[in-house]
Amino acid sequence: MESRLRASESQIEELKRKNEEELKDLKTSFDSQVENLKMDYQAQAVNQSVMEARFGSELEEMKTKNNEELKDLKSSFKITEGQVKNLDKENQERKVAFSASLSAGGSGHTGPYSTLFPLVYKHIFTNIGNAYKPATGIFTAPVRGVYQFRFHIHGQSGRAVAVELHKNGHHIAGTFADQSQGSVSSSNGVSLLLEVGDVVSIKLHHHSWVFDDWLHHSTFSGHMLFSV
């Protein structure tokens, strides 16, 4: 029994020795792996530093350039946006057109008078831009541009029918009709360069008359051709 016990103790000692050697080997291997990982990490850190040192200035230049280009794009966008707004405003201002007749529904003559008499065309067919005022019969140019005007007159026999187109109170063009029997009609038209605030109106010539009724014979029309 004693010899067996000694043999078992010897085996246990051998196992302990082997376990310690294996544990030592494992620790050595683990320490080696840890050291390798540290070296790899340090190498990567060095590489990153080298890359940053090498390309850092180029990256900053690219960032600066991109920021400048972005600012230029924003500035260009603002200019373009402003141009669009101006074009839209100009487009709205170009939408100027009106057409009206003397009679608002009844029938009869206007005139005669001993002096020039401003005609007020009360029946509105269209008045885009509201440049024509039906209360006064006056058209006021909202923008500088070229405008075209047309005016038609109608009358009964036995009296002359004559009107004049005036710009800022000055005679520009007129039309006249007269015959002993039947009705008469006449028309005329002009294109004018108007400044902002210039006024255009139709005036009845002295000692003449003009007729209108629900058929709207006597009319005054105008529209903007283009701005300048």
C-alpha atoms as a PDB file:
ATOM      1  CA  MET A   1       0.000   0.000   0.000  1.00  0.00           C
ATOM      2  CA  GLU A   2       2.747   2.397   0.823  1.00  0.00           C
ATOM      3  CA  SER A   3       4.495   1.794  -2.508  1.00  0.00           C
ATOM      4  CA  ARG A   4       1.210   2.438  -4.359  1.00  0.00           C
ATOM      5  CA  LEU A   5       0.638   5.680  -2.434  1.00  0.00           C
ATOM      6  CA  ARG A   6       4.112   6.866  -3.327  1.00  0.00           C
ATOM      7  CA  ALA A   7       3.496   6.066  -6.980  1.00  0.00           C
ATOM      8  CA  SER A   8       0.233   8.070  -6.949  1.00  0.00           C
ATOM      9  CA  GLU A   9       1.950  11.020  -5.337  1.00  0.00           C
ATOM     10  CA  SER A  10       4.655  10.848  -7.962  1.00  0.00           C
ATOM     11  CA  GLN A  11       2.012  10.896 -10.727  1.00  0.00           C
ATOM     12  CA  ILE A  12       0.259  13.839  -9.117  1.00  0.00           C
ATOM     13  CA  GLU A  13       3.539  15.753  -8.934  1.00  0.00           C
ATOM     14  CA  GLU A  14       4.208  14.973 -12.589  1.00  0.00           C
ATOM     15  CA  LEU A  15       0.742  16.227 -13.554  1.00  0.00           C
ATOM     16  CA  LYS A  16       1.276  19.419 -11.578  1.00  0.00           C
ATOM     17  CA  ARG A  17       4.604  19.973 -13.299  1.00  0.00           C
ATOM     18  CA  LYS A  18       3.084  19.429 -16.746  1.00  0.00           C
ATOM     19  CA  ASN A  19       0.154  21.757 -15.960  1.00  0.00           C
ATOM     20  CA  GLU A  20       2.537  24.469 -14.769  1.00  0.00           C
ATOM     21  CA  GLU A  21       4.620  24.108 -17.936  1.00  0.00           C
ATOM     22  CA  GLU A  22       1.503  24.255 -20.152  1.00  0.00           C
ATOM     23  CA  LEU A  23       0.214  27.275 -18.205  1.00  0.00           C
ATOM     24  CA  LYS A  24       3.584  28.944 -18.604  1.00  0.00           C
ATOM     25  CA  ASP A  25       3.553  28.239 -22.341  1.00  0.00           C
ATOM     26  CA  LEU A  26       0.005  29.626 -22.644  1.00  0.00           C
ATOM     27  CA  LYS A  27       0.979  32.754 -20.722  1.00  0.00           C
ATOM     28  CA  THR A  28       4.035  33.215 -22.922  1.00  0.00           C
ATOM     29  CA  SER A  29       1.912  32.795 -26.084  1.00  0.00           C
ATOM     30  CA  PHE A  30      -0.759  35.215 -24.773  1.00  0.00           C
ATOM     31  CA  ASP A  31       1.841  37.814 -23.840  1.00  0.00           C
ATOM     32  CA  SER A  32       3.366  37.471 -27.289  1.00  0.00           C
ATOM     33  CA  GLN A  33      -0.014  37.983 -28.985  1.00  0.00           C
ATOM     34  CA  VAL A  34      -0.745  41.013 -26.809  1.00  0.00           C
ATOM     35  CA  GLU A  35       2.649  42.465 -27.659  1.00  0.00           C
ATOM     36  CA  ASN A  36       2.033  41.871 -31.373  1.00  0.00           C
ATOM     37  CA  LEU A  37      -1.345  43.595 -31.121  1.00  0.00           C
ATOM     38  CA  LYS A  38       0.272  46.569 -29.384  1.00  0.00           C
ATOM     39  CA  MET A  39       2.890  46.752 -32.105  1.00  0.00           C
ATOM     40  CA  ASP A  40       0.205  46.572 -34.826  1.00  0.00           C
ATOM     41  CA  TYR A  41      -1.808  49.324 -33.131  1.00  0.00           C
ATOM     42  CA  GLN A  42       1.277  51.509 -32.782  1.00  0.00           C
ATOM     43  CA  ALA A  43       2.140  50.889 -36.431  1.00  0.00           C
ATOM     44  CA  GLN A  44      -1.385  51.869 -37.491  1.00  0.00           C
ATOM     45  CA  ALA A  45      -1.205  54.991 -35.342  1.00  0.00           C
ATOM     46  CA  VAL A  46       2.113  55.888 -36.942  1.00  0.00           C
ATOM     47  CA  ASN A  47       0.668  55.268 -40.409  1.00  0.00           C
ATOM     48  CA  GLN A  48      -2.341  57.435 -39.611  1.00  0.00           C
ATOM     49  CA  SER A  49      -0.090  60.219 -38.397  1.00  0.00           C
ATOM     50  CA  VAL A  50       2.004  59.927 -41.539  1.00  0.00           C
ATOM     51  CA  MET A  51      -1.123  59.988 -43.719  1.00  0.00           C
ATOM     52  CA  GLU A  52      -2.499  62.993 -41.878  1.00  0.00           C
ATOM     53  CA  ALA A  53       0.802  64.779 -42.146  1.00  0.00           C
ATOM     54  CA  ARG A  54       1.060  63.892 -45.813  1.00  0.00           C
ATOM     55  CA  PHE A  55      -2.498  64.571 -46.928  1.00  0.00           C
ATOM     56  CA  GLY A  56      -3.793  66.874 -44.194  1.00  0.00           C
ATOM     57  CA  SER A  57      -2.917  70.064 -46.087  1.00  0.00           C
ATOM     58  CA  GLU A  58      -4.485  68.693 -49.277  1.00  0.00           C
ATOM     59  CA  LEU A  59      -7.655  67.805 -47.377  1.00  0.00           C
ATOM     60  CA  GLU A  60      -7.809  71.297 -45.887  1.00  0.00           C
ATOM     61  CA  GLU A  61      -7.315  72.815 -49.319  1.00  0.00           C
ATOM     62  CA  MET A  62     -10.117  70.645 -50.692  1.00  0.00           C
ATOM     63  CA  LYS A  63     -12.396  71.634 -47.802  1.00  0.00           C
ATOM     64  CA  THR A  64     -11.596  75.322 -48.353  1.00  0.00           C
ATOM     65  CA  LYS A  65     -12.175  75.003 -52.079  1.00  0.00           C
ATOM     66  CA  ASN A  66     -15.465  73.165 -51.560  1.00  0.00           C
ATOM     67  CA  ASN A  67     -16.614  75.801 -49.076  1.00  0.00           C
ATOM     68  CA  GLU A  68     -15.759  78.582 -51.521  1.00  0.00           C
ATOM     69  CA  GLU A  69     -17.568  76.790 -54.346  1.00  0.00           C
ATOM     70  CA  LEU A  70     -20.575  76.305 -52.074  1.00  0.00           C
ATOM     71  CA  LYS A  71     -20.581  80.007 -51.249  1.00  0.00           C
ATOM     72  CA  ASP A  72     -20.356  80.843 -54.960  1.00  0.00           C
ATOM     73  CA  LEU A  73     -23.247  78.501 -55.701  1.00  0.00           C
ATOM     74  CA  LYS A  74     -25.337  80.059 -52.945  1.00  0.00           C
ATOM     75  CA  SER A  75     -24.507  83.537 -54.222  1.00  0.00           C
ATOM     76  CA  SER A  76     -25.311  82.494 -57.790  1.00  0.00           C
ATOM     77  CA  PHE A  77     -28.570  80.958 -56.620  1.00  0.00           C
ATOM     78  CA  LYS A  78     -29.535  84.183 -54.881  1.00  0.00           C
ATOM     79  CA  ILE A  79     -28.766  86.175 -58.035  1.00  0.00           C
ATOM     80  CA  THR A  80     -30.732  83.730 -60.167  1.00  0.00           C
ATOM     81  CA  GLU A  81     -33.614  83.785 -57.704  1.00  0.00           C
ATOM     82  CA  GLY A  82     -33.599  87.597 -57.820  1.00  0.00           C
ATOM     83  CA  GLN A  83     -33.531  87.556 -61.609  1.00  0.00           C
ATOM     84  CA  VAL A  84     -36.495  85.177 -61.677  1.00  0.00           C
ATOM     85  CA  LYS A  85     -38.429  87.476 -59.357  1.00  0.00           C
ATOM     86  CA  ASN A  86     -37.584  90.493 -61.519  1.00  0.00           C
ATOM     87  CA  LEU A  87     -38.584  88.642 -64.669  1.00  0.00           C
ATOM     88  CA  ASP A  88     -41.816  87.557 -63.040  1.00  0.00           C
ATOM     89  CA  LYS A  89     -42.488  91.146 -61.969  1.00  0.00           C
ATOM     90  CA  GLU A  90     -41.723  92.432 -65.465  1.00  0.00           C
ATOM     91  CA  ASN A  91     -43.937  89.734 -66.944  1.00  0.00           C
ATOM     92  CA  GLN A  92     -46.799  90.810 -64.686  1.00  0.00           C
ATOM     93  CA  GLU A  93     -46.213  94.457 -65.606  1.00  0.00           C
ATOM     94  CA  ARG A  94     -46.314  93.560 -69.307  1.00  0.00           C
ATOM     95  CA  LYS A  95     -49.827  92.201 -68.901  1.00  0.00           C
ATOM     96  CA  VAL A  96     -51.526  95.477 -69.739  1.00  0.00           C
ATOM     97  CA  ALA A  97     -54.590  95.514 -71.981  1.00  0.00           C
ATOM     98  CA  PHE A  98     -57.965  97.184 -71.911  1.00  0.00           C
ATOM     99  CA  SER A  99     -61.002  97.662 -74.120  1.00  0.00           C
ATOM    100  CA  ALA A 100     -64.137  99.693 -73.364  1.00  0.00           C
ATOM    101  CA  SER A 101     -67.144 101.298 -75.025  1.00  0.00           C
ATOM    102  CA  LEU A 102     -68.987 104.543 -74.297  1.00  0.00           C
ATOM    103  CA  SER A 103     -72.376 103.078 -73.438  1.00  0.00           C
ATOM    104  CA  ALA A 104     -72.904 101.260 -70.170  1.00  0.00           C
ATOM    105  CA  GLY A 105     -76.201  99.861 -71.513  1.00  0.00           C
ATOM    106  CA  GLY A 106     -78.334 102.774 -72.709  1.00  0.00           C
ATOM    107  CA  SER A 107     -78.240 104.528 -76.064  1.00  0.00           C
ATOM    108  CA  GLY A 108     -77.721 108.133 -77.095  1.00  0.00           C
ATOM    109  CA  HIS A 109     -75.375 110.851 -78.260  1.00  0.00           C
ATOM    110  CA  THR A 110     -72.571 112.531 -76.377  1.00  0.00           C
ATOM    111  CA  GLY A 111     -72.099 116.177 -77.386  1.00  0.00           C
ATOM    112  CA  PRO A 112     -71.948 118.597 -78.994  1.00  0.00           C
ATOM    113  CA  TYR A 113     -69.795 120.878 -76.847  1.00  0.00           C
ATOM    114  CA  SER A 114     -68.090 124.154 -77.609  1.00  0.00           C
ATOM    115  CA  THR A 115     -64.669 122.856 -76.518  1.00  0.00           C
ATOM    116  CA  LEU A 116     -62.812 119.556 -76.429  1.00  0.00           C
ATOM    117  CA  PHE A 117     -64.666 117.155 -74.129  1.00  0.00           C
ATOM    118  CA  PRO A 118     -63.032 114.103 -72.468  1.00  0.00           C
ATOM    119  CA  LEU A 119     -64.893 110.892 -73.276  1.00  0.00           C
ATOM    120  CA  VAL A 120     -65.408 108.355 -70.499  1.00  0.00           C
ATOM    121  CA  TYR A 121     -65.769 104.804 -71.785  1.00  0.00           C
ATOM    122  CA  LYS A 122     -67.906 103.175 -69.114  1.00  0.00           C
ATOM    123  CA  HIS A 123     -68.530  99.641 -70.398  1.00  0.00           C
ATOM    124  CA  ILE A 124     -65.392  97.551 -69.737  1.00  0.00           C
ATOM    125  CA  PHE A 125     -64.705  94.544 -71.939  1.00  0.00           C
ATOM    126  CA  THR A 126     -61.342  93.882 -70.333  1.00  0.00           C
ATOM    127  CA  ASN A 127     -58.925  95.820 -68.145  1.00  0.00           C
ATOM    128  CA  ILE A 128     -55.888  93.652 -67.394  1.00  0.00           C
ATOM    129  CA  GLY A 129     -53.472  95.566 -65.200  1.00  0.00           C
ATOM    130  CA  ASN A 130     -56.124  98.182 -64.293  1.00  0.00           C
ATOM    131  CA  ALA A 131     -54.213 100.891 -66.151  1.00  0.00           C
ATOM    132  CA  TYR A 132     -57.473 102.264 -67.612  1.00  0.00           C
ATOM    133  CA  LYS A 133     -59.759 104.084 -65.184  1.00  0.00           C
ATOM    134  CA  PRO A 134     -63.458 103.825 -66.136  1.00  0.00           C
ATOM    135  CA  ALA A 135     -64.303 106.701 -63.787  1.00  0.00           C
ATOM    136  CA  THR A 136     -62.168 109.172 -65.755  1.00  0.00           C
ATOM    137  CA  GLY A 137     -61.611 107.559 -69.185  1.00  0.00           C
ATOM    138  CA  ILE A 138     -57.857 107.951 -68.745  1.00  0.00           C
ATOM    139  CA  PHE A 139     -55.186 105.319 -69.407  1.00  0.00           C
ATOM    140  CA  THR A 140     -51.982 105.663 -67.325  1.00  0.00           C
ATOM    141  CA  ALA A 141     -48.820 103.823 -68.396  1.00  0.00           C
ATOM    142  CA  PRO A 142     -47.606 101.579 -65.526  1.00  0.00           C
ATOM    143  CA  VAL A 143     -44.167 100.949 -67.099  1.00  0.00           C
ATOM    144  CA  ARG A 144     -42.015 102.456 -69.805  1.00  0.00           C
ATOM    145  CA  GLY A 145     -42.832 100.763 -73.079  1.00  0.00           C
ATOM    146  CA  VAL A 146     -44.511 100.833 -76.447  1.00  0.00           C
ATOM    147  CA  TYR A 147     -48.316 100.730 -76.379  1.00  0.00           C
ATOM    148  CA  GLN A 148     -50.830 100.392 -79.176  1.00  0.00           C
ATOM    149  CA  PHE A 149     -54.198 102.185 -79.092  1.00  0.00           C
ATOM    150  CA  ARG A 150     -57.299 101.872 -81.285  1.00  0.00           C
ATOM    151  CA  PHE A 151     -60.446 104.009 -81.226  1.00  0.00           C
ATOM    152  CA  HIS A 152     -63.689 103.699 -83.189  1.00  0.00           C
ATOM    153  CA  ILE A 153     -66.538 106.209 -83.458  1.00  0.00           C
ATOM    154  CA  HIS A 154     -70.109 106.006 -84.668  1.00  0.00           C
ATOM    155  CA  GLY A 155     -72.649 108.721 -85.391  1.00  0.00           C
ATOM    156  CA  GLN A 156     -75.964 109.563 -86.985  1.00  0.00           C
ATOM    157  CA  SER A 157     -76.513 111.646 -90.126  1.00  0.00           C
ATOM    158  CA  GLY A 158     -76.625 115.394 -90.040  1.00  0.00           C
ATOM    159  CA  ARG A 159     -73.758 116.105 -87.664  1.00  0.00           C
ATOM    160  CA  ALA A 160     -69.988 115.612 -87.791  1.00  0.00           C
ATOM    161  CA  VAL A 161     -68.422 112.905 -85.651  1.00  0.00           C
ATOM    162  CA  ALA A 162     -64.839 113.628 -84.627  1.00  0.00           C
ATOM    163  CA  VAL A 163     -62.571 112.585 -81.763  1.00  0.00           C
ATOM    164  CA  GLU A 164     -58.899 113.056 -80.884  1.00  0.00           C
ATOM    165  CA  LEU A 165     -56.420 110.852 -79.048  1.00  0.00           C
ATOM    166  CA  HIS A 166     -54.359 112.892 -76.584  1.00  0.00           C
ATOM    167  CA  LYS A 167     -51.117 112.027 -74.801  1.00  0.00           C
ATOM    168  CA  ASN A 168     -50.446 114.102 -71.702  1.00  0.00           C
ATOM    169  CA  GLY A 169     -52.982 116.652 -72.943  1.00  0.00           C
ATOM    170  CA  HIS A 170     -51.474 116.979 -76.426  1.00  0.00           C
ATOM    171  CA  HIS A 171     -53.118 115.984 -79.707  1.00  0.00           C
ATOM    172  CA  ILE A 172     -51.614 112.843 -81.278  1.00  0.00           C
ATOM    173  CA  ALA A 173     -54.171 111.532 -83.792  1.00  0.00           C
ATOM    174  CA  GLY A 174     -57.844 111.853 -84.642  1.00  0.00           C
ATOM    175  CA  THR A 175     -60.662 110.528 -86.777  1.00  0.00           C
ATOM    176  CA  PHE A 176     -63.589 112.247 -88.483  1.00  0.00           C
ATOM    177  CA  ALA A 177     -66.798 111.219 -90.244  1.00  0.00           C
ATOM    178  CA  ASP A 178     -69.715 113.190 -91.659  1.00  0.00           C
ATOM    179  CA  GLN A 179     -72.497 112.584 -94.175  1.00  0.00           C
ATOM    180  CA  SER A 180     -75.969 113.913 -94.787  1.00  0.00           C
ATOM    181  CA  GLN A 181     -77.840 110.602 -94.599  1.00  0.00           C
ATOM    182  CA  GLY A 182     -77.481 107.330 -92.691  1.00  0.00           C
ATOM    183  CA  SER A 183     -75.051 106.453 -89.944  1.00  0.00           C
ATOM    184  CA  VAL A 184     -71.289 106.968 -90.125  1.00  0.00           C
ATOM    185  CA  SER A 185     -68.287 105.273 -88.565  1.00  0.00           C
ATOM    186  CA  SER A 186     -64.585 105.903 -88.517  1.00  0.00           C
ATOM    187  CA  SER A 187     -61.534 104.586 -86.716  1.00  0.00           C
ATOM    188  CA  ASN A 188     -57.847 105.195 -86.168  1.00  0.00           C
ATOM    189  CA  GLY A 189     -54.944 103.831 -84.157  1.00  0.00           C
ATOM    190  CA  VAL A 190     -51.373 104.579 -83.115  1.00  0.00           C
ATOM    191  CA  SER A 191     -48.415 103.014 -81.308  1.00  0.00           C
ATOM    192  CA  LEU A 192     -46.766 105.244 -78.719  1.00  0.00           C
ATOM    193  CA  LEU A 193     -43.663 105.133 -76.573  1.00  0.00           C
ATOM    194  CA  LEU A 194     -44.877 105.996 -73.087  1.00  0.00           C
ATOM    195  CA  GLU A 195     -42.963 106.750 -69.922  1.00  0.00           C
ATOM    196  CA  VAL A 196     -44.222 105.652 -66.530  1.00  0.00           C
ATOM    197  CA  GLY A 197     -47.158 107.898 -65.610  1.00  0.00           C
ATOM    198  CA  ASP A 198     -47.910 109.161 -69.126  1.00  0.00           C
ATOM    199  CA  VAL A 199     -51.665 109.472 -69.709  1.00  0.00           C
ATOM    200  CA  VAL A 200     -53.691 108.781 -72.838  1.00  0.00           C
ATOM    201  CA  SER A 201     -57.325 109.678 -73.399  1.00  0.00           C
ATOM    202  CA  ILE A 202     -59.921 110.300 -76.117  1.00  0.00           C
ATOM    203  CA  LYS A 203     -61.560 113.711 -76.451  1.00  0.00           C
ATOM    204  CA  LEU A 204     -64.640 114.669 -78.429  1.00  0.00           C
ATOM    205  CA  HIS A 205     -63.943 117.420 -80.942  1.00  0.00           C
ATOM    206  CA  HIS A 206     -65.835 120.659 -80.390  1.00  0.00           C
ATOM    207  CA  HIS A 207     -69.173 121.034 -82.209  1.00  0.00           C
ATOM    208  CA  SER A 208     -69.417 117.294 -82.914  1.00  0.00           C
ATOM    209  CA  TRP A 209     -71.076 114.315 -81.307  1.00  0.00           C
ATOM    210  CA  VAL A 210     -70.663 110.566 -80.985  1.00  0.00           C
ATOM    211  CA  PHE A 211     -73.267 107.834 -80.629  1.00  0.00           C
ATOM    212  CA  ASP A 212     -73.297 104.532 -78.780  1.00  0.00           C
ATOM    213  CA  ASP A 213     -75.799 101.951 -77.563  1.00  0.00           C
ATOM    214  CA  TRP A 214     -75.948  98.334 -76.394  1.00  0.00           C
ATOM    215  CA  LEU A 215     -74.222  97.268 -79.642  1.00  0.00           C
ATOM    216  CA  HIS A 216     -71.109  99.154 -78.490  1.00  0.00           C
ATOM    217  CA  HIS A 217     -70.198 100.988 -81.709  1.00  0.00           C
ATOM    218  CA  SER A 218     -67.825 103.517 -80.147  1.00  0.00           C
ATOM    219  CA  THR A 219     -64.832 101.913 -78.429  1.00  0.00           C
ATOM    220  CA  PHE A 220     -61.398 102.717 -77.043  1.00  0.00           C
ATOM    221  CA  SER A 221     -58.766  99.948 -76.687  1.00  0.00           C
ATOM    222  CA  GLY A 222     -55.100  99.638 -75.921  1.00  0.00           C
ATOM    223  CA  HIS A 223     -52.423  97.182 -74.899  1.00  0.00           C
ATOM    224  CA  MET A 224     -48.734  97.060 -74.205  1.00  0.00           C
ATOM    225  CA  LEU A 225     -46.568  95.701 -77.003  1.00  0.00           C
ATOM    226  CA  PHE A 226     -43.289  95.507 -75.070  1.00  0.00           C
ATOM    227  CA  SER A 227     -41.326  97.290 -72.357  1.00  0.00           C
ATOM    228  CA  VAL A 228     -38.181  99.279 -73.139  1.00  0.00           C
END
